[in-house]
Protein backbone atom coordinates (compact mmCIF):
# COMPACT_ATOMS: atom_id res chain seq x y z
CA GLU A 1 -2.84 -44.20 -2.15
CA ALA A 2 -2.54 -46.21 1.22
CA THR A 3 -0.20 -48.99 1.58
CA LEU A 4 0.52 -50.96 4.74
CA ASP A 5 4.16 -52.00 3.59
CA LEU A 6 6.48 -49.98 5.60
CA ALA A 7 9.37 -50.47 3.08
CA GLU A 8 7.37 -49.17 0.28
CA ARG A 9 6.34 -46.08 2.27
CA ARG A 10 9.96 -45.54 2.96
CA ARG A 11 10.80 -45.78 -0.71
CA ILE A 12 7.95 -43.38 -1.81
CA ARG A 13 9.16 -40.89 1.03
CA SER A 14 12.54 -41.02 -0.27
CA ALA A 15 11.47 -40.53 -4.02
CA ILE A 16 9.39 -37.48 -2.88
CA ARG A 17 12.38 -36.06 -1.13
CA GLU A 18 14.55 -36.58 -4.16
CA LEU A 19 11.95 -35.01 -6.50
CA GLN A 20 11.81 -32.13 -4.06
CA ARG A 21 15.57 -31.70 -3.98
CA GLN A 22 15.78 -31.70 -7.71
CA GLU A 23 13.18 -29.14 -8.07
CA LEU A 24 15.00 -26.90 -5.34
CA GLU A 25 18.23 -27.46 -7.54
CA ARG A 26 16.29 -26.07 -10.86
CA ASP A 27 14.93 -23.26 -8.95
CA GLU A 28 18.43 -22.22 -7.73
CA GLU A 29 19.83 -22.58 -11.20
CA THR A 30 17.21 -20.45 -12.67
CA LEU A 31 17.53 -17.68 -9.83
CA ALA A 32 21.34 -17.90 -10.49
CA SER A 33 21.09 -17.38 -14.30
CA LYS A 34 18.51 -14.70 -13.77
CA ARG A 35 20.66 -12.84 -11.18
CA PHE A 36 23.53 -12.46 -13.45
CA ARG A 37 21.80 -11.62 -16.68
CA PRO A 38 22.77 -8.27 -17.90
CA GLU A 39 20.11 -5.53 -17.51
CA ARG A 40 18.34 -4.75 -21.10
CA SER A 41 19.15 -1.14 -22.11
CA SER A 42 15.59 -0.84 -23.69
CA HIS A 43 14.07 -1.00 -20.02
CA ARG A 44 16.20 2.12 -19.16
CA GLN A 45 15.04 3.86 -22.17
CA ASP A 46 11.21 3.11 -21.18
CA ASP A 47 11.80 4.63 -17.96
CA LYS A 48 13.34 7.87 -19.37
CA GLU A 49 10.34 8.10 -21.93
CA ASN A 50 7.69 7.61 -19.24
CA TRP A 51 9.37 10.00 -16.56
CA PRO A 52 7.76 13.20 -18.02
CA GLN A 53 4.38 11.60 -18.04
CA SER A 54 4.69 10.45 -14.38
CA ARG A 55 6.08 13.60 -13.36
CA ARG A 56 2.95 15.47 -14.94
CA LEU A 57 0.74 13.01 -12.95
CA GLU A 58 2.49 13.72 -9.80
CA GLU A 59 2.02 17.48 -10.25
CA GLU A 60 -1.64 16.99 -11.05
CA GLN A 61 -2.21 14.91 -8.00
CA GLN A 62 -0.32 17.49 -5.89
CA ALA A 63 -2.55 20.24 -7.24
CA ALA A 64 -5.56 18.27 -6.56
CA LEU A 65 -4.55 17.43 -3.01
CA THR A 66 -3.77 21.39 -2.64
CA ALA A 67 -7.33 22.15 -3.83
CA LEU A 68 -8.83 19.74 -1.52
CA SER A 69 -6.95 21.07 1.44
CA GLU A 70 -8.43 24.58 0.76
CA GLN A 71 -11.95 23.16 0.39
CA LEU A 72 -11.62 21.21 3.87
CA GLU A 73 -10.64 24.32 5.58
CA ALA A 74 -14.03 25.93 4.68
CA ILE A 75 -15.82 22.92 5.94
CA THR A 76 -16.90 23.29 9.63
CA SER A 77 -18.99 20.03 10.01
CA VAL A 78 -17.52 16.66 11.17
CA GLU A 79 -20.47 15.18 9.44
CA GLU A 80 -19.55 16.67 6.12
CA LEU A 81 -16.04 15.69 6.62
CA THR A 82 -17.07 12.06 7.29
CA LYS A 83 -19.12 11.97 4.05
CA LEU A 84 -16.18 13.03 2.07
CA LEU A 85 -14.06 10.64 3.78
CA ARG A 86 -16.42 7.72 2.80
CA ALA A 87 -16.52 8.88 -0.70
CA ALA A 88 -12.81 9.51 -0.90
CA GLY A 89 -10.86 6.78 -3.03
CA GLU A 90 -7.29 7.82 -2.82
CA TYR A 91 -4.88 7.29 0.42
CA GLU A 92 -3.71 10.85 0.29
CA GLU A 93 -7.17 12.36 0.13
CA ARG A 94 -8.41 10.22 3.02
CA LYS A 95 -5.36 11.27 4.98
CA LEU A 96 -6.16 14.88 4.47
CA ILE A 97 -9.85 14.43 5.39
CA ARG A 98 -8.91 12.57 8.61
CA ALA A 99 -6.53 15.28 9.64
CA ALA A 100 -9.27 17.95 9.07
CA ILE A 101 -11.77 15.87 11.26
CA ARG A 102 -9.05 15.68 13.98
CA LYS A 103 -8.53 19.44 13.75
CA LEU A 104 -12.30 20.09 14.09
CA ARG A 105 -12.70 17.82 16.98
CA ALA A 106 -9.70 19.51 18.70
CA GLU A 107 -11.17 22.78 18.11
CA GLU A 108 -14.57 21.61 19.50
CA ILE A 109 -12.82 20.35 22.71
CA GLU A 110 -10.95 23.54 23.01
CA GLY A 111 -14.32 25.53 22.69
CA GLU A 112 -15.80 23.23 25.29
CA ALA A 113 -13.03 23.63 27.78
CA PRO A 114 -13.82 27.20 29.27
CA PHE A 115 -17.30 26.33 29.86
CA LEU A 116 -16.15 23.11 31.90
CA CYS A 117 -13.75 25.19 33.82
CA SER A 118 -16.23 28.11 34.58
CA GLY A 119 -18.73 25.57 35.88
CA ARG A 120 -16.64 24.83 39.13
């Protein structure tokens, strides 16, 4: 709320600064206590238990990307690749499709180059 008394404003500002300083000290104490807390061994055990599952998922994703790469080799239309790109959900899939589009466009440009040179 507004107050016209300058002395009261100073007291309010200093009280706010003091509260902020106390809050910072509490945050620093919390961080310090977390920083030196020993790591729980059960967390490490969870990682060991989940490792085979995550490894299997990575292998499945890699196989899917390999299959997609082979499928992209057969497509010769930029429009078809663009449709696939819009439908793709994963970053790696989009990355492969964009590379295939760039490759097709480069081949199209190379195919047009002899015609441009012979026109002179």
